[in-house]
Every structure is written in structure tokens, then in C-alpha cells.
Amino acid sequence: MKRLNTAFRVRMWWMSLCIGLLIVAPQARSQTSQTISLDDFIQKGLESTPAVGVFEADVELSQWDIRNARAQRILPRVRLETQHGLVPGVESSSFPDGQLYLDPYLDNDWENWALFTRAQIEAIQPLYTWGAIPSAIQAATFNAERVGYEAEIKSSSLEVQLAEIYVGLQLSNELELLVKDADELIVQARDEINAQLEQGGSDFTESDLFEFEVFELEYQGQKAQIEAISRQMDRLWALATENLDLSPDRFEPIQDVTLPPFPDLLALAFDQRLELKAVNAGQQALEAGKRATLAERYPTIYLGLSASGAITPNRPKQDNPFINNSTNYASARFGIGISQNLNLQSLRLKGERLSIQQEKLTETEQLLRQQIQLDVVQRLQEAETALSTLQSLDRALVKTKEWVRHEQLNMDYGFGDVKKLVDALKKELELETSVMRANHAWSMARIRLNHALGIPLSTTYTP
């Protein structure tokens, strides 16, 4: 009985340390709830946050710029003007209505009022712009592509945050069994202590009882902290999953998992990172914008269309086209015109500004490549360390389970040592917790590496 009591106390001491590790992890969800994959969880989380709507609004605005640039191809300038008013009629005592313009003493007829209406419409259709309009459309298209990449970059940062929540809940699900074991162990220890105190004759002292009661109080305080963090995590989880009864999948097995070599990962990052794609789209947008600006140095050939007319019922219409009558007439004209921007200094400065922006983007691309390389180096090192640690701990756990089984068999055969069995159990529990934490570290390291490579966060690595 003495050895059994010692075993309980050793295991309780270790479990107190194990429970302390749970302070940073949320309480696990019920294992009976429906599981959700990382990709689905991230998708639900993005759908529930208004930040994605802001990113999409930026993309829609850039698409509007494309439509506006395309609208400049067909009648980019159409203007309608109308005039209305009340005017008096005219009268002459010497000439008929068709010859009123010959009367130098023509008078207004103040007793004859009518509504005066005049309308004029003008339109311009570009015929040849030296590629200015197509270049402007290309610039708007590439700029929209750049904005789209930037929106995806912002969304990817949110995805990493959601992945942290997902992996944290994975860890808590794995540790839930240890929490239950701790509760059961405390109950068993309390029953054993009470039994020994009732029987008497053992070396179990009042100091041992006080030590156990202090442990119980500390455990309850740690458990309360876990519950407080659990409520906070539940709110975040419910917000992302829209209050559905969902839980994350279990950790994936890591047997025989290997990471690709660094040169392959770096080449993949240079090909997949959205930052480089955004810079490339920005460079193409500036190049197209520069072509559109340079085209303004040459004259634009356009077709001009104009039509105007006026109606005033109380005034006669002159049939002679050489007689100008602004109150009753109808006319239309069209022709080819040339427009030339003579502010060449301004055009030159615009071109220089675009050239400076192009040089800036070139330097930005080089800086991004350096940052991406450093990012991949760091994330790969973290992933390699986490994977190596997890695989080592996993092998050690397998070996420890064999050790525990060996000590249990020795106890069954009657020549075992309780102290050795307790040591084996202690080591097994320690390694189980270490493997769970290492699984969490490996999952987060893999997610951050995938983010650095610009590939889906759920991507796994196999031989």
C-alpha cells in the first residue's frame, strides 16, 4: 500500500505540471460534433468577417476603371444642351412674314407670347489615337490584376490567423483526455488517502494530506483559467463557424514525412508568392500607362458630329439658308478634326514620373525577392526543427510504451518493481504531452512555411 500511495503522489505531481501546460490552450470541444477540415474552416471564417468585403470592394473599384477605360473607345464625349423661355412675336407693317428680315423697323409683338425651345447635341468619336486608348485599357487591366493580388495577400494574413485558432483547438482536443485523466486521478488519490487514514498503520502523514489538498486547490485555479480561455476561444470559433457544432480534425500522422530541399522551395516561392505577381502586374500597368502618355505627344484624329435646332411658334422660319434665324432653324454637320496637346513640358514630366515609378518597382521586386528568400529560410528551419522534434518524440513515445508494457508484465509475473513502473508511466505521460505540443508546433510551422511559399495552408509533405 505504501508503494501504491507513492505511485499516486508521483503521478499527481507530474499531472500538475501537465495541467499547467493547458493554460495556453483552449478547452476541447466534444468529440461527438461534426469535424471540419482546415480549408473549410478558413473558408467559413473568411465568409464571416467584413474585412473580406472591404478587399472585394477595392477589386470592384479597379474593375470599374477597366470599364471606364473601355468606354472611351465609343463616343467618349457626348454633350446635349437645351434652352427654354418665353419670347414675344414680331410684326411688320411693310413686309410679309417671309421678308421680315428686310424691315429695319421690325417691332416686337408684346401681345403674342410663345415658348422658345432650342437644343444642341455634340459628339466626338476618336478615329486614331496612336494607341492611347488601348494602352489605357491595358493599364487599367493590369492595375486591376495588381489590386486583386493585394486583396489575396491581405486575405492570406487572415487565413493564417484562422489556422492558428484551428490548430489550437486541435491541440486542446488531444489534451482533453489528459484533463479527464487528471480529474479521475485526483478522485482515485482522494479515495486512497481516505482509505489509508481509516485503516491506520501506514506511514501516510498529515503533511502528505496537506500537500494533496494544496495541489487540489491549485488544480482548481488552473482549471478555472482554462475555462475562461475556453469561453473566449468558443466565441471566436462560433464566429468563424456561424455557431455550427463543428470541431477540427485530429492531427495528421507524420511517419515518413519529409520536407523538400531548399532550392525547390525557394523556386516555388518565387513562382507562387502573390507579392511578386502584384509587382509584375504593377510594372505592366506602368508600362501601358507610359505608352498612353507618350501617345498624347501626337495629334489625335477624331470625327465630330453636331446637330442643333430651335422652335418658336410665334416667329416665322426663314427658308433662305443664308439668313440666320436663331429662333426657328434646324442644322446638322459632321467632319474630321485634329486635336493636339501643345503642353509638351507637362507630357515630358508625366513620362519621367512613370519612369521613376518603374525604377521603384524594379527595386521593390529585388527587395521582395530578398525578403522572400529570408522568409523561406527561417520558416524552413522552423519546420525542419519542429518535424525532427516531433518524429524523435514520437519514436521515444513508442519505445516508452514498450517499456511500460514490459514493467506491467513483470508486475503480473510477481517480480516487478512498482517504482520502475511508476517511472515508466510518468515518462509515457510526459512524452504524450510533449508529442501533442510538438504536433501543434509542427502544424503551425508547416502552415507558416506554406504561407511563405504562397501555397494553400493545408498542403502536406510526403516522401
Protein backbone atom coordinates (compact mmCIF):
# COMPACT_ATOMS: atom_id res chain seq x y z
CA MET A 1 0.00 0.00 0.00
CA LYS A 2 2.93 2.34 0.71
CA ARG A 3 4.29 1.84 -2.78
CA LEU A 4 0.86 2.37 -4.30
CA ASN A 5 0.48 5.64 -2.39
CA THR A 6 3.89 6.75 -3.57
CA ALA A 7 2.90 5.96 -7.16
CA PHE A 8 -0.23 8.07 -6.85
CA ARG A 9 1.68 11.01 -5.43
CA VAL A 10 4.33 10.87 -8.14
CA ARG A 11 1.73 10.76 -10.88
CA MET A 12 -0.26 13.61 -9.29
CA TRP A 13 2.88 15.74 -9.07
CA TRP A 14 3.57 15.23 -12.74
CA MET A 15 -0.06 15.81 -13.75
CA SER A 16 0.03 19.19 -12.01
CA LEU A 17 2.81 20.19 -14.38
CA CYS A 18 0.89 18.77 -17.31
CA ILE A 19 -2.25 20.76 -16.40
CA GLY A 20 -0.14 23.90 -16.23
CA LEU A 21 0.68 23.47 -19.88
CA LEU A 22 -3.02 23.63 -20.68
CA ILE A 23 -3.28 27.25 -19.56
CA VAL A 24 -2.26 28.37 -23.04
CA ALA A 25 -4.65 26.01 -24.80
CA PRO A 26 -8.46 26.31 -25.11
CA GLN A 27 -10.71 23.59 -23.78
CA ALA A 28 -11.50 20.88 -26.28
CA ARG A 29 -14.83 20.53 -27.95
CA SER A 30 -17.00 17.48 -27.78
CA GLN A 31 -15.69 14.63 -29.84
CA THR A 32 -19.22 13.89 -30.98
CA SER A 33 -19.51 17.09 -33.02
CA GLN A 34 -19.02 17.05 -36.76
CA THR A 35 -15.44 17.62 -37.84
CA ILE A 36 -14.41 20.32 -40.30
CA SER A 37 -11.26 20.46 -42.40
CA LEU A 38 -8.79 23.33 -42.23
CA ASP A 39 -9.75 24.59 -45.70
CA ASP A 40 -13.46 24.59 -44.89
CA PHE A 41 -12.87 26.30 -41.56
CA ILE A 42 -10.80 29.04 -43.21
CA GLN A 43 -13.47 29.50 -45.87
CA LYS A 44 -16.19 29.85 -43.23
CA GLY A 45 -14.04 32.25 -41.27
CA LEU A 46 -13.42 34.46 -44.29
CA GLU A 47 -17.13 34.47 -45.12
CA SER A 48 -17.98 35.65 -41.63
CA THR A 49 -15.57 38.59 -41.48
CA PRO A 50 -16.39 42.00 -43.03
CA ALA A 51 -12.73 42.55 -43.88
CA VAL A 52 -13.12 40.39 -46.98
CA GLY A 53 -15.93 42.67 -48.16
CA VAL A 54 -13.57 45.63 -47.94
CA PHE A 55 -10.98 43.81 -50.03
CA GLU A 56 -13.60 42.85 -52.60
CA ALA A 57 -14.75 46.49 -52.81
CA ASP A 58 -11.23 47.51 -53.83
CA VAL A 59 -11.30 44.87 -56.56
CA GLU A 60 -14.68 46.09 -57.80
CA LEU A 61 -13.38 49.65 -58.00
CA SER A 62 -10.44 48.51 -60.10
CA GLN A 63 -12.86 46.68 -62.40
CA TRP A 64 -14.82 49.92 -62.76
CA ASP A 65 -11.62 51.58 -64.02
CA ILE A 66 -11.42 48.96 -66.77
CA ARG A 67 -14.99 49.58 -67.86
CA ASN A 68 -14.41 53.32 -67.81
CA ALA A 69 -11.29 52.99 -69.98
CA ARG A 70 -13.17 50.81 -72.47
CA ALA A 71 -16.00 53.35 -72.61
CA GLN A 72 -13.56 55.85 -74.14
CA ARG A 73 -13.49 53.85 -77.39
CA ILE A 74 -17.06 54.70 -78.49
CA LEU A 75 -18.27 58.30 -78.33
CA PRO A 76 -16.26 59.28 -75.25
CA ARG A 77 -17.71 62.77 -75.39
CA VAL A 78 -21.44 63.36 -75.96
CA ARG A 79 -22.99 66.62 -74.84
CA LEU A 80 -26.61 67.74 -75.01
CA GLU A 81 -27.69 71.32 -74.23
CA THR A 82 -31.22 72.74 -74.28
CA GLN A 83 -32.61 76.25 -73.74
CA HIS A 84 -36.18 77.24 -72.97
CA GLY A 85 -38.03 80.52 -72.43
CA LEU A 86 -40.95 82.80 -73.29
CA VAL A 87 -40.39 85.25 -76.17
CA PRO A 88 -42.71 87.78 -77.85
CA GLY A 89 -43.62 87.59 -81.52
CA VAL A 90 -42.58 90.11 -84.20
CA GLU A 91 -44.62 92.26 -86.53
CA SER A 92 -44.03 94.50 -89.55
CA SER A 93 -46.30 96.96 -91.27
CA SER A 94 -44.40 96.88 -94.60
CA PHE A 95 -43.14 93.33 -95.27
CA PRO A 96 -44.71 89.87 -95.30
CA ASP A 97 -43.53 87.14 -92.90
CA GLY A 98 -41.06 85.69 -95.36
CA GLN A 99 -39.28 89.05 -95.70
CA LEU A 100 -39.29 90.32 -92.17
CA TYR A 101 -35.56 90.40 -92.15
CA LEU A 102 -35.71 93.27 -94.69
CA ASP A 103 -37.65 95.54 -92.37
CA PRO A 104 -35.28 97.83 -90.44
CA TYR A 105 -38.16 98.90 -88.21
CA LEU A 106 -39.32 95.45 -87.15
CA ASP A 107 -41.16 95.57 -83.81
CA ASN A 108 -41.87 93.04 -81.03
CA ASP A 109 -45.45 91.91 -80.69
CA TRP A 110 -45.88 92.09 -76.91
CA GLU A 111 -49.32 90.61 -77.10
CA ASN A 112 -48.15 87.40 -78.80
CA TRP A 113 -46.08 85.19 -76.48
CA ALA A 114 -44.80 81.66 -77.16
CA LEU A 115 -42.41 79.07 -75.75
CA PHE A 116 -38.90 79.19 -77.23
CA THR A 117 -37.04 75.82 -77.35
CA ARG A 118 -33.53 75.28 -78.61
CA ALA A 119 -31.44 72.06 -78.39
CA GLN A 120 -27.89 71.27 -79.42
CA ILE A 121 -26.05 67.93 -79.30
CA GLU A 122 -22.34 67.42 -79.92
CA ALA A 123 -20.39 64.15 -80.10
CA ILE A 124 -16.79 63.21 -80.78
CA GLN A 125 -15.65 59.80 -81.98
CA PRO A 126 -11.89 59.09 -81.91
CA LEU A 127 -10.57 57.69 -85.17
CA TYR A 128 -6.87 57.34 -84.45
CA THR A 129 -5.17 57.98 -81.09
CA TRP A 130 -1.72 56.42 -81.69
CA GLY A 131 -2.62 53.59 -79.28
CA ALA A 132 -3.55 55.84 -76.35
CA ILE A 133 -6.95 54.23 -75.68
CA PRO A 134 -5.79 50.57 -76.00
CA SER A 135 -2.82 51.37 -73.75
CA ALA A 136 -5.10 52.98 -71.18
CA ILE A 137 -7.30 49.86 -71.20
CA GLN A 138 -4.25 47.64 -70.70
CA ALA A 139 -3.04 49.86 -67.84
CA ALA A 140 -6.42 49.61 -66.10
CA THR A 141 -6.49 45.83 -66.64
CA PHE A 142 -3.05 45.26 -65.17
CA ASN A 143 -3.83 47.61 -62.29
CA ALA A 144 -6.98 45.60 -61.52
CA GLU A 145 -4.86 42.46 -61.55
CA ARG A 146 -2.46 44.09 -59.08
CA VAL A 147 -5.32 45.10 -56.78
CA GLY A 148 -6.67 41.55 -56.93
CA TYR A 149 -3.31 40.13 -55.83
CA GLU A 150 -3.08 42.65 -52.99
CA ALA A 151 -6.55 41.67 -51.82
CA GLU A 152 -5.49 38.00 -51.78
CA ILE A 153 -2.37 38.94 -49.81
CA LYS A 154 -4.50 40.61 -47.15
CA SER A 155 -6.86 37.63 -47.07
CA SER A 156 -3.93 35.23 -46.65
CA SER A 157 -2.93 37.02 -43.44
CA LEU A 158 -6.43 36.39 -42.10
CA GLU A 159 -6.13 32.75 -43.16
CA VAL A 160 -3.02 32.31 -41.01
CA GLN A 161 -4.86 33.75 -38.00
CA LEU A 162 -7.76 31.37 -38.59
CA ALA A 163 -5.33 28.48 -38.93
CA GLU A 164 -3.86 29.35 -35.54
CA ILE A 165 -7.32 29.02 -34.00
CA TYR A 166 -7.89 25.73 -35.81
CA VAL A 167 -4.57 24.19 -34.74
CA GLY A 168 -5.03 25.47 -31.19
CA LEU A 169 -8.32 23.61 -30.98
CA GLN A 170 -6.65 20.54 -32.41
CA LEU A 171 -4.18 20.64 -29.53
CA SER A 172 -6.91 21.12 -26.94
CA ASN A 173 -8.84 18.14 -28.31
CA GLU A 174 -5.76 15.98 -27.90
CA LEU A 175 -5.15 17.25 -24.37
CA GLU A 176 -8.74 16.78 -23.28
CA LEU A 177 -8.10 13.16 -22.37
CA LEU A 178 -5.25 14.21 -20.10
CA VAL A 179 -7.57 16.65 -18.33
CA LYS A 180 -10.07 13.84 -17.79
CA ASP A 181 -7.29 11.58 -16.54
CA ALA A 182 -6.26 14.25 -14.08
CA ASP A 183 -9.81 14.50 -12.69
CA GLU A 184 -10.06 10.73 -12.36
CA LEU A 185 -6.61 10.54 -10.79
CA ILE A 186 -7.50 13.12 -8.14
CA VAL A 187 -10.63 11.19 -7.23
CA GLN A 188 -8.71 7.92 -7.01
CA ALA A 189 -6.00 9.55 -4.93
CA ARG A 190 -8.56 11.07 -2.57
CA ASP A 191 -10.23 7.67 -2.09
CA GLU A 192 -6.87 6.01 -1.46
CA ILE A 193 -5.88 8.66 1.06
CA ASN A 194 -9.17 8.32 2.94
CA ALA A 195 -8.83 4.54 2.98
CA GLN A 196 -5.32 4.74 4.42
CA LEU A 197 -6.34 7.25 7.06
CA GLU A 198 -9.22 4.99 8.13
CA GLN A 199 -7.09 1.84 8.26
CA GLY A 200 -4.19 3.48 10.02
CA GLY A 201 -0.83 1.83 10.39
CA SER A 202 0.63 3.38 7.24
CA ASP A 203 3.33 6.00 7.03
CA PHE A 204 0.92 8.43 5.36
CA THR A 205 1.17 11.63 7.42
CA GLU A 206 -0.87 14.76 7.86
CA SER A 207 1.79 16.62 5.87
CA ASP A 208 1.03 14.38 2.91
CA LEU A 209 -2.66 15.23 3.27
CA PHE A 210 -1.96 18.97 3.36
CA GLU A 211 0.26 18.61 0.31
CA PHE A 212 -2.53 16.86 -1.57
CA GLU A 213 -5.15 19.43 -0.57
CA VAL A 214 -2.89 22.29 -1.71
CA PHE A 215 -2.48 20.50 -5.03
CA GLU A 216 -6.27 20.21 -5.36
CA LEU A 217 -6.71 23.95 -4.80
CA GLU A 218 -4.01 24.82 -7.31
CA TYR A 219 -5.57 22.48 -9.81
CA GLN A 220 -8.98 24.13 -9.42
CA GLY A 221 -7.42 27.55 -10.04
CA GLN A 222 -5.67 26.32 -13.18
CA LYS A 223 -8.87 24.70 -14.36
CA ALA A 224 -10.76 27.99 -13.89
CA GLN A 225 -8.21 29.76 -16.07
CA ILE A 226 -8.65 27.12 -18.72
CA GLU A 227 -12.41 27.58 -18.66
CA ALA A 228 -12.07 31.37 -19.01
CA ILE A 229 -9.81 31.00 -22.05
CA SER A 230 -12.13 28.32 -23.40
CA ARG A 231 -15.10 30.71 -23.33
CA GLN A 232 -13.12 33.29 -25.27
CA MET A 233 -11.99 30.71 -27.84
CA ASP A 234 -15.55 29.43 -28.13
CA ARG A 235 -16.69 32.91 -29.15
CA LEU A 236 -14.03 33.09 -31.86
CA TRP A 237 -14.80 29.58 -33.06
CA ALA A 238 -18.56 30.27 -33.10
CA LEU A 239 -17.96 33.49 -35.04
CA ALA A 240 -15.95 31.66 -37.69
CA THR A 241 -18.27 28.65 -37.95
CA GLU A 242 -21.55 30.59 -37.56
CA ASN A 243 -22.44 28.71 -34.34
CA LEU A 244 -22.39 25.31 -36.04
CA ASP A 245 -21.46 22.28 -33.93
CA LEU A 246 -18.10 21.65 -35.55
CA SER A 247 -14.68 20.60 -34.33
CA PRO A 248 -11.28 20.37 -36.06
CA ASP A 249 -9.84 17.16 -37.41
CA ARG A 250 -7.22 15.30 -35.45
CA PHE A 251 -3.53 15.84 -36.08
CA GLU A 252 -2.23 14.20 -39.21
CA PRO A 253 0.29 11.34 -38.90
CA ILE A 254 3.91 12.32 -39.53
CA GLN A 255 5.52 8.96 -40.19
CA ASP A 256 7.97 9.20 -43.10
CA VAL A 257 7.13 12.88 -43.70
CA THR A 258 9.98 14.76 -45.36
CA LEU A 259 10.45 18.37 -46.41
CA PRO A 260 11.54 19.22 -49.97
CA PRO A 261 15.03 20.68 -50.41
CA PHE A 262 15.55 24.41 -50.02
CA PRO A 263 16.24 25.20 -53.71
CA ASP A 264 12.95 23.61 -54.75
CA LEU A 265 11.03 25.51 -52.08
CA LEU A 266 12.69 28.80 -52.98
CA ALA A 267 11.87 28.34 -56.66
CA LEU A 268 8.28 27.51 -55.69
CA ALA A 269 8.07 30.66 -53.55
CA PHE A 270 9.37 32.87 -56.36
CA ASP A 271 6.76 31.36 -58.65
CA GLN A 272 3.79 31.43 -56.24
CA ARG A 273 4.18 34.44 -53.95
CA LEU A 274 1.45 36.94 -54.68
CA GLU A 275 3.68 39.89 -53.78
CA LEU A 276 5.87 39.23 -56.82
CA LYS A 277 2.83 38.77 -59.03
CA ALA A 278 1.43 42.08 -57.79
CA VAL A 279 4.69 43.88 -58.53
CA ASN A 280 4.82 42.32 -62.01
CA ALA A 281 1.25 43.45 -62.72
CA GLY A 282 2.12 46.92 -61.44
CA GLN A 283 5.11 47.10 -63.77
CA GLN A 284 2.97 46.14 -66.74
CA ALA A 285 0.35 48.73 -65.71
CA LEU A 286 3.01 51.46 -65.57
CA GLU A 287 4.43 50.43 -68.94
CA ALA A 288 0.99 50.60 -70.54
CA GLY A 289 0.28 53.92 -68.83
CA LYS A 290 3.56 55.28 -70.13
CA ARG A 291 2.64 54.31 -73.68
CA ALA A 292 -0.71 56.06 -73.27
CA THR A 293 1.01 59.21 -72.01
CA LEU A 294 3.58 59.25 -74.80
CA ALA A 295 0.79 58.89 -77.37
CA GLU A 296 -0.51 62.30 -76.29
CA ARG A 297 2.50 63.90 -78.00
CA TYR A 298 0.94 63.14 -81.37
CA PRO A 299 -2.22 64.69 -82.82
CA THR A 300 -5.47 62.80 -82.23
CA ILE A 301 -7.74 62.40 -85.26
CA TYR A 302 -11.43 62.34 -84.45
CA LEU A 303 -14.82 62.58 -86.11
CA GLY A 304 -17.00 65.42 -84.88
CA LEU A 305 -20.79 65.29 -85.02
CA SER A 306 -23.11 68.19 -84.22
CA ALA A 307 -26.84 68.87 -84.60
CA SER A 308 -28.92 71.79 -83.36
CA GLY A 309 -32.37 73.25 -83.83
CA ALA A 310 -34.85 75.74 -82.42
CA ILE A 311 -38.62 76.08 -82.46
CA THR A 312 -40.62 79.24 -81.70
CA PRO A 313 -44.25 79.04 -82.91
CA ASN A 314 -44.91 82.80 -82.92
CA ARG A 315 -41.97 83.64 -85.16
CA PRO A 316 -41.64 82.84 -88.88
CA LYS A 317 -39.00 80.45 -90.18
CA GLN A 318 -36.65 81.76 -92.86
CA ASP A 319 -36.30 79.40 -95.80
CA ASN A 320 -33.18 81.09 -97.09
CA PRO A 321 -30.21 79.19 -95.63
CA PHE A 322 -28.10 82.32 -95.74
CA ILE A 323 -30.44 84.11 -93.39
CA ASN A 324 -29.63 83.36 -89.71
CA ASN A 325 -32.71 82.96 -87.58
CA SER A 326 -31.86 81.82 -84.09
CA THR A 327 -35.48 81.12 -83.11
CA ASN A 328 -36.55 78.72 -85.86
CA TYR A 329 -33.92 76.59 -87.53
CA ALA A 330 -32.51 73.05 -87.89
CA SER A 331 -28.96 72.15 -88.86
CA ALA A 332 -26.52 69.24 -88.70
CA ARG A 333 -22.86 68.90 -89.53
CA PHE A 334 -20.00 66.46 -89.20
CA GLY A 335 -16.37 66.43 -90.09
CA ILE A 336 -12.88 65.23 -89.23
CA GLY A 337 -10.83 67.18 -86.72
CA ILE A 338 -7.36 67.10 -85.20
CA SER A 339 -6.57 67.69 -81.53
CA GLN A 340 -3.03 68.35 -80.33
CA ASN A 341 -1.81 68.82 -76.76
CA LEU A 342 0.81 71.54 -77.02
CA ASN A 343 1.91 71.38 -73.38
CA LEU A 344 4.88 69.17 -74.22
CA GLN A 345 6.66 70.03 -70.97
CA SER A 346 3.80 68.52 -68.97
CA LEU A 347 3.84 65.38 -71.12
CA ARG A 348 7.58 65.03 -70.61
CA LEU A 349 7.21 65.36 -66.85
CA LYS A 350 4.46 62.70 -66.84
CA GLY A 351 6.77 60.32 -68.69
CA GLU A 352 9.61 60.99 -66.24
CA ARG A 353 7.29 60.33 -63.30
CA LEU A 354 6.22 56.99 -64.76
CA SER A 355 9.88 56.08 -65.38
CA ILE A 356 10.70 56.81 -61.74
CA GLN A 357 7.79 54.63 -60.63
CA GLN A 358 9.04 51.82 -62.86
CA GLU A 359 12.53 52.04 -61.33
CA LYS A 360 10.96 52.00 -57.87
CA LEU A 361 9.02 48.85 -58.68
CA THR A 362 12.16 47.21 -60.03
CA GLU A 363 13.95 47.91 -56.76
CA THR A 364 10.87 46.74 -54.86
CA GLU A 365 10.91 43.43 -56.72
CA GLN A 366 14.56 42.85 -55.80
CA LEU A 367 13.83 43.70 -52.18
CA LEU A 368 10.84 41.34 -52.16
CA ARG A 369 12.95 38.51 -53.53
CA GLN A 370 15.46 39.00 -50.73
CA GLN A 371 12.71 39.11 -48.11
CA ILE A 372 11.05 36.02 -49.55
CA GLN A 373 14.34 34.15 -49.51
CA LEU A 374 14.95 35.09 -45.87
CA ASP A 375 11.37 34.19 -45.01
CA VAL A 376 11.67 30.76 -46.62
CA VAL A 377 15.00 30.15 -44.88
CA GLN A 378 13.53 30.98 -41.49
CA ARG A 379 10.26 29.09 -41.96
CA LEU A 380 12.03 26.04 -43.39
CA GLN A 381 14.39 25.96 -40.42
CA GLU A 382 11.43 26.17 -38.03
CA ALA A 383 9.60 23.42 -39.91
CA GLU A 384 12.66 21.16 -40.01
CA THR A 385 13.25 21.64 -36.30
CA ALA A 386 9.59 21.04 -35.44
CA LEU A 387 9.37 17.96 -37.67
CA SER A 388 12.60 16.48 -36.33
CA THR A 389 11.49 17.10 -32.75
CA LEU A 390 8.08 15.56 -33.36
CA GLN A 391 9.48 12.48 -35.08
CA SER A 392 12.04 11.96 -32.31
CA LEU A 393 9.42 12.33 -29.59
CA ASP A 394 7.06 10.03 -31.45
CA ARG A 395 9.71 7.32 -31.65
CA ALA A 396 10.54 7.85 -28.00
CA LEU A 397 6.86 7.50 -27.09
CA VAL A 398 6.64 4.21 -28.97
CA LYS A 399 9.69 2.94 -27.12
CA THR A 400 8.29 4.16 -23.77
CA LYS A 401 5.03 2.31 -24.37
CA GLU A 402 7.10 -0.84 -24.85
CA TRP A 403 8.86 -0.04 -21.58
CA VAL A 404 5.54 0.38 -19.75
CA ARG A 405 4.26 -2.90 -21.18
CA HIS A 406 7.45 -4.62 -20.07
CA GLU A 407 7.12 -3.33 -16.50
CA GLN A 408 3.44 -4.31 -16.40
CA LEU A 409 4.29 -7.84 -17.44
CA ASN A 410 6.95 -8.01 -14.74
CA MET A 411 4.35 -6.92 -12.19
CA ASP A 412 1.95 -9.58 -13.45
CA TYR A 413 4.64 -12.23 -13.06
CA GLY A 414 5.29 -11.12 -9.48
CA PHE A 415 8.90 -9.89 -9.70
CA GLY A 416 8.33 -6.32 -10.90
CA ASP A 417 9.27 -3.06 -9.22
CA VAL A 418 6.50 -0.52 -8.58
CA LYS A 419 9.00 2.35 -8.69
CA LYS A 420 10.10 1.33 -12.18
CA LEU A 421 6.51 1.02 -13.34
CA VAL A 422 5.72 4.48 -11.97
CA ASP A 423 8.78 5.91 -13.71
CA ALA A 424 7.70 4.30 -16.98
CA LEU A 425 4.14 5.62 -16.62
CA LYS A 426 5.45 9.07 -15.77
CA LYS A 427 7.70 9.09 -18.81
CA GLU A 428 4.87 7.89 -21.02
CA LEU A 429 2.57 10.70 -19.88
CA GLU A 430 5.33 13.26 -20.25
CA LEU A 431 6.02 12.12 -23.80
CA GLU A 432 2.33 12.05 -24.68
CA THR A 433 2.05 15.70 -23.71
CA SER A 434 5.31 16.55 -25.46
CA VAL A 435 4.14 14.82 -28.64
CA MET A 436 0.87 16.76 -28.55
CA ARG A 437 2.70 20.07 -28.16
CA ALA A 438 5.22 19.05 -30.82
CA ASN A 439 2.32 18.21 -33.13
CA HIS A 440 0.96 21.71 -32.55
CA ALA A 441 4.38 23.27 -33.20
CA TRP A 442 4.83 21.22 -36.39
CA SER A 443 1.37 22.09 -37.70
CA MET A 444 1.93 25.81 -37.16
CA ALA A 445 5.45 25.63 -38.61
CA ARG A 446 4.07 23.84 -41.70
CA ILE A 447 1.29 26.43 -42.08
CA ARG A 448 3.74 29.32 -41.80
CA LEU A 449 6.05 27.64 -44.30
CA ASN A 450 3.17 27.18 -46.73
CA HIS A 451 2.28 30.85 -46.27
CA ALA A 452 5.90 31.81 -47.01
CA LEU A 453 5.78 29.67 -50.16
CA GLY A 454 2.47 31.17 -51.31
CA ILE A 455 0.71 27.78 -51.48
CA PRO A 456 -2.50 26.61 -49.72
CA LEU A 457 -2.04 26.40 -45.95
CA SER A 458 -3.41 22.84 -45.82
CA THR A 459 -0.66 21.49 -48.11
CA THR A 460 1.11 18.47 -46.57
CA TYR A 461 4.51 16.98 -47.32
CA THR A 462 5.03 13.33 -48.19
CA PRO A 463 8.05 11.35 -49.36
